Protein backbone atom coordinates (compact mmCIF):
# COMPACT_ATOMS: atom_id res chain seq x y z
CA UNK A 1 86.65 99.19 138.19
CA UNK A 2 87.54 97.21 135.04
CA UNK A 3 89.59 99.11 132.43
CA UNK A 4 87.87 97.16 129.68
CA UNK A 5 84.82 98.86 128.31
CA UNK A 6 82.05 96.84 126.32
CA UNK A 7 81.53 98.09 122.77
CA UNK A 8 78.37 98.13 120.74
CA UNK A 9 79.29 97.48 117.17
CA UNK A 10 77.72 98.05 113.77
CA UNK A 11 76.38 95.38 111.46
CA UNK A 12 76.94 95.87 107.79
CA UNK A 13 74.36 94.10 105.63
CA UNK A 14 75.73 93.30 102.15
CA UNK A 15 74.32 90.85 99.61
CA UNK A 16 77.23 88.58 99.95
CA UNK A 17 76.66 88.03 103.76
CA UNK A 18 75.22 85.17 105.69
CA UNK A 19 71.73 85.14 107.36
CA UNK A 20 72.96 82.56 109.85
CA UNK A 21 76.71 82.71 110.54
CA UNK A 22 77.13 86.16 112.44
CA UNK A 23 73.55 86.28 113.94
CA UNK A 24 74.18 82.83 115.44
CA UNK A 25 77.64 83.80 116.74
CA UNK A 26 76.25 86.77 118.80
CA UNK A 27 73.01 85.08 119.75
CA UNK A 28 70.56 86.98 117.46
CA UNK A 29 67.57 85.46 115.76
CA UNK A 30 68.43 82.99 112.91
CA UNK A 31 67.87 83.42 110.04
CA UNK A 32 68.30 87.28 110.04
CA UNK A 33 66.06 89.38 107.81
CA UNK A 34 69.04 90.82 105.83
CA UNK A 35 72.37 89.05 105.27
CA UNK A 36 75.00 89.95 107.94
CA UNK A 37 78.23 90.41 106.13
CA UNK A 38 80.45 92.21 108.67
CA UNK A 39 80.48 93.45 112.06
CA UNK A 40 82.74 96.59 112.38
CA UNK A 41 84.67 97.03 115.62
CA UNK A 42 86.73 100.30 115.67
CA UNK A 43 86.78 104.01 115.21
CA UNK A 44 86.26 104.35 111.49
CA UNK A 45 83.98 107.43 111.07
CA UNK A 46 81.77 105.64 108.63
CA UNK A 47 80.40 103.28 111.34
CA UNK A 48 82.32 103.59 114.67
CA UNK A 49 81.66 101.42 117.74
CA UNK A 50 80.12 103.06 120.79
CA UNK A 51 80.79 102.75 124.53
CA UNK A 52 78.12 101.86 127.02
CA UNK A 53 77.71 105.65 127.83
CA UNK A 54 76.85 106.43 124.22
CA UNK A 55 80.14 107.92 123.42
CA UNK A 56 81.58 107.17 119.88
CA UNK A 57 84.99 105.49 119.84
CA UNK A 58 85.64 107.74 116.82
CA UNK A 59 85.47 110.73 119.21
CA UNK A 60 87.58 108.95 121.90
CA UNK A 61 90.17 107.47 119.62
CA UNK A 62 90.11 109.62 116.52
CA UNK A 63 93.57 108.47 115.55
CA UNK A 64 93.00 104.66 115.93
CA UNK A 65 94.96 103.21 113.06
CA UNK A 66 93.28 99.72 113.03
CA UNK A 67 89.93 98.20 113.05
CA UNK A 68 88.60 94.56 113.55
CA UNK A 69 85.78 93.02 111.71
CA UNK A 70 83.79 89.80 112.08
CA UNK A 71 83.03 88.61 108.52
CA UNK A 72 80.80 85.98 106.93
CA UNK A 73 80.80 85.33 103.28
CA UNK A 74 77.95 83.14 102.03
CA UNK A 75 78.70 84.40 98.48
CA UNK A 76 81.91 85.71 96.82
CA UNK A 77 83.02 89.25 97.34
CA UNK A 78 84.12 91.39 94.48
CA UNK A 79 87.56 91.08 92.79
CA UNK A 80 89.29 93.93 94.41
CA UNK A 81 92.52 95.63 95.61
CA UNK A 82 93.32 98.26 98.03
CA UNK A 83 95.44 101.44 97.39
CA UNK A 84 98.62 102.20 99.14
CA UNK A 85 98.85 105.41 101.45
CA UNK A 86 99.96 107.65 98.59
CA UNK A 87 97.42 106.60 96.08
CA UNK A 88 94.61 106.69 98.83
CA UNK A 89 95.51 110.29 99.72
CA UNK A 90 95.61 111.51 96.13
CA UNK A 91 92.39 109.75 95.24
CA UNK A 92 90.63 111.00 98.34
CA UNK A 93 91.75 114.53 97.61
CA UNK A 94 90.63 114.34 94.01
CA UNK A 95 87.14 113.22 94.80
CA UNK A 96 86.96 115.87 97.57
CA UNK A 97 87.74 118.51 95.04
CA UNK A 98 85.09 117.12 92.64
CA UNK A 99 82.50 117.36 95.63
CA UNK A 100 81.69 113.68 95.49
CA UNK A 101 79.78 112.97 98.74
CA UNK A 102 81.61 110.54 100.98
CA UNK A 103 78.46 108.47 101.25
CA UNK A 104 78.14 108.16 97.47
CA UNK A 105 78.04 104.77 95.92
CA UNK A 106 80.09 106.37 93.09
CA UNK A 107 83.00 107.20 95.34
CA UNK A 108 86.00 105.11 95.31
CA UNK A 109 88.15 106.67 98.11
CA UNK A 110 86.31 106.98 101.49
CA UNK A 111 89.40 108.05 103.49
CA UNK A 112 93.20 108.72 103.05
CA UNK A 113 94.40 105.58 104.60
CA UNK A 114 95.75 102.33 103.04
CA UNK A 115 94.11 98.98 103.85
CA UNK A 116 96.46 96.15 104.45
CA UNK A 117 94.42 93.36 106.08
CA UNK A 118 94.80 89.99 107.96
CA UNK A 119 92.02 87.55 107.62
CA UNK A 120 92.10 84.69 110.25
CA UNK A 121 89.75 81.79 109.36
CA UNK A 122 87.04 80.87 111.92
CA UNK A 123 85.65 78.23 109.48
CA UNK A 124 87.03 76.67 106.38
CA UNK A 125 87.77 79.80 104.32
CA UNK A 126 88.29 80.03 100.51
CA UNK A 127 89.72 83.04 98.69
CA UNK A 128 91.52 84.14 95.57
CA UNK A 129 94.65 86.14 96.47
CA UNK A 130 97.41 87.25 94.15
CA UNK A 131 98.49 86.02 90.87
CA UNK A 132 99.51 82.54 89.96
CA UNK A 133 103.03 82.61 88.31
CA UNK A 134 103.01 82.99 84.58
CA UNK A 135 104.28 79.53 84.23
CA UNK A 136 101.47 78.09 86.24
CA UNK A 137 98.84 80.10 84.27
CA UNK A 138 100.24 78.76 81.01
CA UNK A 139 100.30 75.11 82.29
CA UNK A 140 96.75 75.53 83.63
CA UNK A 141 95.53 77.01 80.35
CA UNK A 142 97.24 74.10 78.42
CA UNK A 143 95.22 71.65 80.63
CA UNK A 144 92.01 73.65 80.34
CA UNK A 145 92.28 73.63 76.56
CA UNK A 146 89.79 76.52 75.85
CA UNK A 147 91.29 78.15 72.69
CA UNK A 148 90.08 81.59 73.42
CA UNK A 149 91.67 81.45 77.05
CA UNK A 150 94.91 79.97 75.69
CA UNK A 151 95.09 82.84 73.28
CA UNK A 152 94.45 85.45 75.98
CA UNK A 153 97.30 84.23 78.20
CA UNK A 154 99.81 83.33 75.45
CA UNK A 155 101.70 86.69 75.67
CA UNK A 156 102.84 85.51 79.15
CA UNK A 157 105.07 83.11 77.37
CA UNK A 158 107.26 85.87 76.06
CA UNK A 159 108.24 87.00 79.46
CA UNK A 160 107.29 84.58 82.25
CA UNK A 161 109.02 86.43 85.03
CA UNK A 162 107.47 89.89 84.08
CA UNK A 163 105.02 91.47 86.53
CA UNK A 164 103.94 93.88 83.68
CA UNK A 165 102.90 90.95 81.61
CA UNK A 166 100.61 89.63 84.37
CA UNK A 167 98.98 93.07 84.90
CA UNK A 168 98.48 93.31 81.20
CA UNK A 169 96.96 89.76 80.96
CA UNK A 170 94.40 90.75 83.69
CA UNK A 171 93.70 94.15 81.98
CA UNK A 172 92.94 92.14 78.83
CA UNK A 173 90.51 89.97 80.57
CA UNK A 174 88.48 92.66 82.26
CA UNK A 175 88.32 94.94 79.31
CA UNK A 176 87.20 92.39 76.70
CA UNK A 177 84.44 93.58 74.45
CA UNK A 178 81.13 91.92 75.21
CA UNK A 179 80.93 89.43 72.37
CA UNK A 180 84.50 88.29 72.85
CA UNK A 181 84.01 87.94 76.70
CA UNK A 182 80.77 85.92 76.10
CA UNK A 183 82.56 83.60 73.75
CA UNK A 184 85.58 83.25 75.99
CA UNK A 185 83.45 82.50 79.12
CA UNK A 186 81.31 79.92 77.10
CA UNK A 187 84.55 77.89 76.41
CA UNK A 188 86.02 78.36 79.95
CA UNK A 189 82.83 77.28 81.77
CA UNK A 190 82.16 74.33 79.57
CA UNK A 191 85.54 72.95 80.54
CA UNK A 192 85.05 73.81 84.16
CA UNK A 193 81.79 71.87 84.38
CA UNK A 194 83.50 68.74 83.17
CA UNK A 195 86.40 69.16 85.59
CA UNK A 196 84.05 69.97 88.53
CA UNK A 197 82.23 66.74 88.08
CA UNK A 198 85.52 64.60 87.94
CA UNK A 199 86.63 63.51 91.58
CA UNK A 200 89.91 62.70 90.17
CA UNK A 201 90.62 66.08 88.52
CA UNK A 202 93.59 68.08 89.90
CA UNK A 203 91.60 71.11 88.81
CA UNK A 204 88.31 70.34 90.50
CA UNK A 205 88.40 73.14 93.20
CA UNK A 206 89.31 75.73 90.67
CA UNK A 207 86.64 74.35 88.27
CA UNK A 208 83.88 74.35 90.83
CA UNK A 209 84.54 78.20 91.60
CA UNK A 210 84.50 78.98 87.83
CA UNK A 211 81.19 77.27 87.64
CA UNK A 212 79.80 79.01 90.68
CA UNK A 213 80.97 82.36 89.54
CA UNK A 214 79.27 81.76 86.20
CA UNK A 215 76.16 81.04 88.00
CA UNK A 216 76.22 84.20 90.02
CA UNK A 217 77.72 86.47 87.37
CA UNK A 218 77.34 84.85 84.06
CA UNK A 219 78.48 87.81 81.96
CA UNK A 220 81.38 89.00 84.15
CA UNK A 221 84.97 88.43 82.97
CA UNK A 222 85.84 87.81 86.59
CA UNK A 223 84.40 84.33 86.32
CA UNK A 224 87.85 83.41 84.70
CA UNK A 225 89.72 84.88 87.55
CA UNK A 226 90.41 81.49 89.30
CA UNK A 227 92.52 80.62 86.26
CA UNK A 228 94.74 83.66 86.92
CA UNK A 229 94.66 84.17 90.60
CA UNK A 230 95.78 81.73 93.48
CA UNK A 231 93.02 79.70 95.07
CA UNK A 232 93.85 79.69 98.81
CA UNK A 233 91.95 77.33 101.29
CA UNK A 234 92.32 78.17 104.96
CA UNK A 235 91.61 75.89 107.78
CA UNK A 236 90.46 77.59 111.17
CA UNK A 237 93.10 79.50 112.83
CA UNK A 238 95.17 80.11 109.66
CA UNK A 239 95.54 83.52 108.35
CA UNK A 240 95.72 85.23 104.97
CA UNK A 241 97.61 88.56 104.62
CA UNK A 242 96.46 90.92 101.75
CA UNK A 243 98.97 93.87 101.07
CA UNK A 244 98.17 97.07 99.09
CA UNK A 245 97.62 96.39 95.42
CA UNK A 246 97.09 92.71 95.78
CA UNK A 247 94.09 91.42 93.76
CA UNK A 248 91.88 89.24 95.85
CA UNK A 249 88.28 88.00 96.47
CA UNK A 250 87.00 86.23 99.65
CA UNK A 251 84.79 83.46 98.34
CA UNK A 252 83.24 81.65 101.15
CA UNK A 253 83.70 81.27 104.87
CA UNK A 254 83.91 83.09 108.21
CA UNK A 255 86.72 84.83 109.83
CA UNK A 256 88.24 87.66 111.92
CA UNK A 257 89.60 90.44 109.75
CA UNK A 258 92.20 92.91 111.23
CA UNK A 259 93.03 95.92 109.04
CA UNK A 260 94.15 99.35 108.76
CA UNK A 261 91.25 101.63 109.52
CA UNK A 262 90.10 102.24 106.01
CA UNK A 263 87.15 101.54 103.74
CA UNK A 264 89.01 102.10 100.39
CA UNK A 265 88.11 99.35 97.90
CA UNK A 266 88.81 99.40 94.20
CA UNK A 267 86.75 96.79 92.38
CA UNK A 268 87.29 94.93 89.04
CA UNK A 269 84.10 92.84 88.92
CA UNK A 270 81.85 90.21 90.50
CA UNK A 271 79.77 93.01 92.03
CA UNK A 272 76.79 95.18 91.54
CA UNK A 273 78.81 98.07 93.23
CA UNK A 274 80.98 100.62 91.43
CA UNK A 275 83.70 99.06 89.22
CA UNK A 276 86.63 101.38 88.83
CA UNK A 277 89.10 99.75 86.36
CA UNK A 278 91.32 102.65 85.75
CA UNK A 279 92.05 103.16 89.34
CA UNK A 280 92.32 99.47 90.05
CA UNK A 281 94.68 98.78 87.06
CA UNK A 282 96.80 101.63 88.38
CA UNK A 283 97.34 100.12 91.83
CA UNK A 284 97.48 96.35 91.31
CA UNK A 285 100.88 94.55 91.86
CA UNK A 286 101.87 91.35 90.30
CA UNK A 287 103.08 89.44 93.46
CA UNK A 288 104.38 86.08 92.63
CA UNK A 289 105.39 83.05 94.77
CA UNK A 290 103.67 81.18 97.57
CA UNK A 291 100.30 82.47 98.83
CA UNK A 292 100.71 84.98 101.71
CA UNK A 293 99.60 82.52 104.50
CA UNK A 294 100.16 83.56 108.04
CA UNK A 295 100.04 80.79 110.59
CA UNK A 296 99.77 81.36 114.23
CA UNK A 297 103.15 81.45 116.17
CA UNK A 298 103.08 80.14 119.71
CA UNK A 299 104.34 82.47 122.38
CA UNK A 300 103.12 80.54 125.38
CA UNK A 301 100.50 78.01 126.28
CA UNK A 302 97.17 79.48 124.97
CA UNK A 303 98.85 82.51 123.35
CA UNK A 304 99.68 82.79 119.65
CA UNK A 305 100.55 85.85 117.52
CA UNK A 306 100.20 86.43 113.75
CA UNK A 307 103.28 87.97 112.11
CA UNK A 308 102.34 90.50 109.49
CA UNK A 309 104.74 92.94 107.73
CA UNK A 310 103.08 96.18 108.56
CA UNK A 311 103.25 98.65 111.53
CA UNK A 312 99.48 99.29 111.70
CA UNK A 313 98.50 96.43 113.96
CA UNK A 314 99.57 93.41 115.99
CA UNK A 315 97.24 90.56 116.42
CA UNK A 316 97.16 87.77 119.07
CA UNK A 317 94.86 84.73 119.52
CA UNK A 318 94.22 83.95 123.33
CA UNK A 319 92.80 80.76 124.50
CA UNK A 320 92.79 80.63 128.31
CA UNK A 321 91.65 77.49 129.79
CA UNK A 322 90.84 78.54 133.25
CA UNK A 323 94.36 80.07 133.78
CA UNK A 324 94.66 83.85 133.16
CA UNK A 325 97.06 84.86 130.38
CA UNK A 326 98.88 88.19 130.34
CA UNK A 327 99.83 90.06 127.14
CA UNK A 328 102.28 92.92 127.11
CA UNK A 329 100.20 95.07 124.91
CA UNK A 330 100.04 98.92 125.32
CA UNK A 331 96.79 100.51 124.41
CA UNK A 332 94.56 101.24 122.81
CA UNK A 333 93.48 97.76 122.60
CA UNK A 334 90.42 95.97 121.01
CA UNK A 335 89.47 92.48 122.12
CA UNK A 336 86.77 90.26 120.44
CA UNK A 337 85.51 86.92 121.69
CA UNK A 338 84.74 84.29 119.07
CA UNK A 339 84.16 81.16 121.24
CA UNK A 340 83.32 80.21 124.84
CA UNK A 341 83.55 83.01 127.45
CA UNK A 342 86.50 85.16 128.32
CA UNK A 343 87.18 87.82 131.02
CA UNK A 344 89.17 90.84 129.81
CA UNK A 345 90.53 92.71 132.93
CA UNK A 346 87.31 91.62 134.59
CA UNK A 347 84.90 92.41 131.66
CA UNK A 348 83.07 89.28 130.60
CA UNK A 349 82.77 88.67 126.94
CA UNK A 350 80.75 86.14 125.09
CA UNK A 351 80.99 85.24 121.27
CA UNK A 352 80.61 88.29 119.08
CA UNK A 353 81.12 90.81 121.92
CA UNK A 354 84.11 93.11 122.06
CA UNK A 355 85.81 95.43 124.40
CA UNK A 356 88.02 98.49 124.27
CA UNK A 357 90.90 99.21 126.62
CA UNK A 358 92.54 102.75 126.55
CA UNK A 359 96.02 103.76 125.90
CA UNK A 360 97.14 104.04 129.58
CA UNK A 361 97.94 100.39 130.03
CA UNK A 362 100.94 98.16 129.47
CA UNK A 363 99.46 94.70 129.93
CA UNK A 364 96.12 93.03 129.34
CA UNK A 365 95.14 89.99 131.41
CA UNK A 366 92.47 87.61 129.90
CA UNK A 367 90.97 84.64 131.79
CA UNK A 368 88.04 82.36 131.47
CA UNK A 369 87.66 79.47 128.98
CA UNK A 370 87.30 80.44 125.37
CA UNK A 371 88.91 82.07 122.36
CA UNK A 372 89.46 85.79 121.70
CA UNK A 373 91.56 88.00 119.33
CA UNK A 374 93.45 90.92 120.72
CA UNK A 375 94.55 93.86 118.36
CA UNK A 376 96.89 96.62 119.17
CA UNK A 377 99.50 98.66 117.53
CA UNK A 378 102.38 96.81 115.99
CA UNK A 379 104.95 98.29 118.30
CA UNK A 380 103.30 96.47 121.16
CA UNK A 381 103.95 93.08 119.69
CA UNK A 382 105.90 90.61 121.89
CA UNK A 383 107.98 87.75 120.71
């Protein structure tokens, strides 16, 4: 009998999801009635996967520290950050003490965990992730030429290496009084519209997102976020790592997301959900430098790993081409197929299907001809 057990996984329908991408991946009718944003694969108590016999993975693996998602963003997600462990535990305890129901839309902390995450692109994937350097923000503002925006970021000039100055700049933006915000956005968007139509403009990608965000959220200060945050464009197979406190927004595309098992999200804007500026401003970090790209590192033919700086999970991409591939991964393990057909310890998986392997194993053998992602605890990572 195979050690791999097929999972039934929960679809999350949010407004930013796609009615075609994930349904098509799993062979469901297209377009779907509601937008499919995420498919959750794991043991998070909010929406745990289930085994064929009906058992919840949350009951079988209550301490499973990671979860996997298939994600499709047709529209941008909120500007958000995730708390670290200490902040998550404190926030959760405070909301429990106040009696806020865990299912309430007004709740910020759904659990006590942090939520570092790795997004591996399945399609071209665009995101905002982390701050641009103060020098780059000032240079971009000078090119943009919108007087109110130039004035808002000018304090960065006094201390261009200061993380505190970056956080203060973002705080000024998201807390602008409504009339001031309206006037600033009018200037920023007018310039963006001109850049977006210029095929020779170095700012064209940033500009088209400012224009698109203004179309979707015309009164939201987050419209100007692409001028502060790094615009990252991933090709299929490239990853983006998001650590605690890093401001980000997934803008468009599909991917596999591996994360600590948490649903803690603190939002700043570009959303109809709860915006919790005090909590968000207390957790954001002003990371600078290159975008946190994670490219696959080859371990063997058909086997790559993604190196991430956390202990919560290890991730492999496995692409057998008729020859079985063995991974030295101790359980519990989750495998999700994204292309073709693979066999995990004899259990067949087609796109969108996932399997769970229990803790009493030391290797996983995957055959067939397709692509799948394997997630286990970081201690299991080879290479």
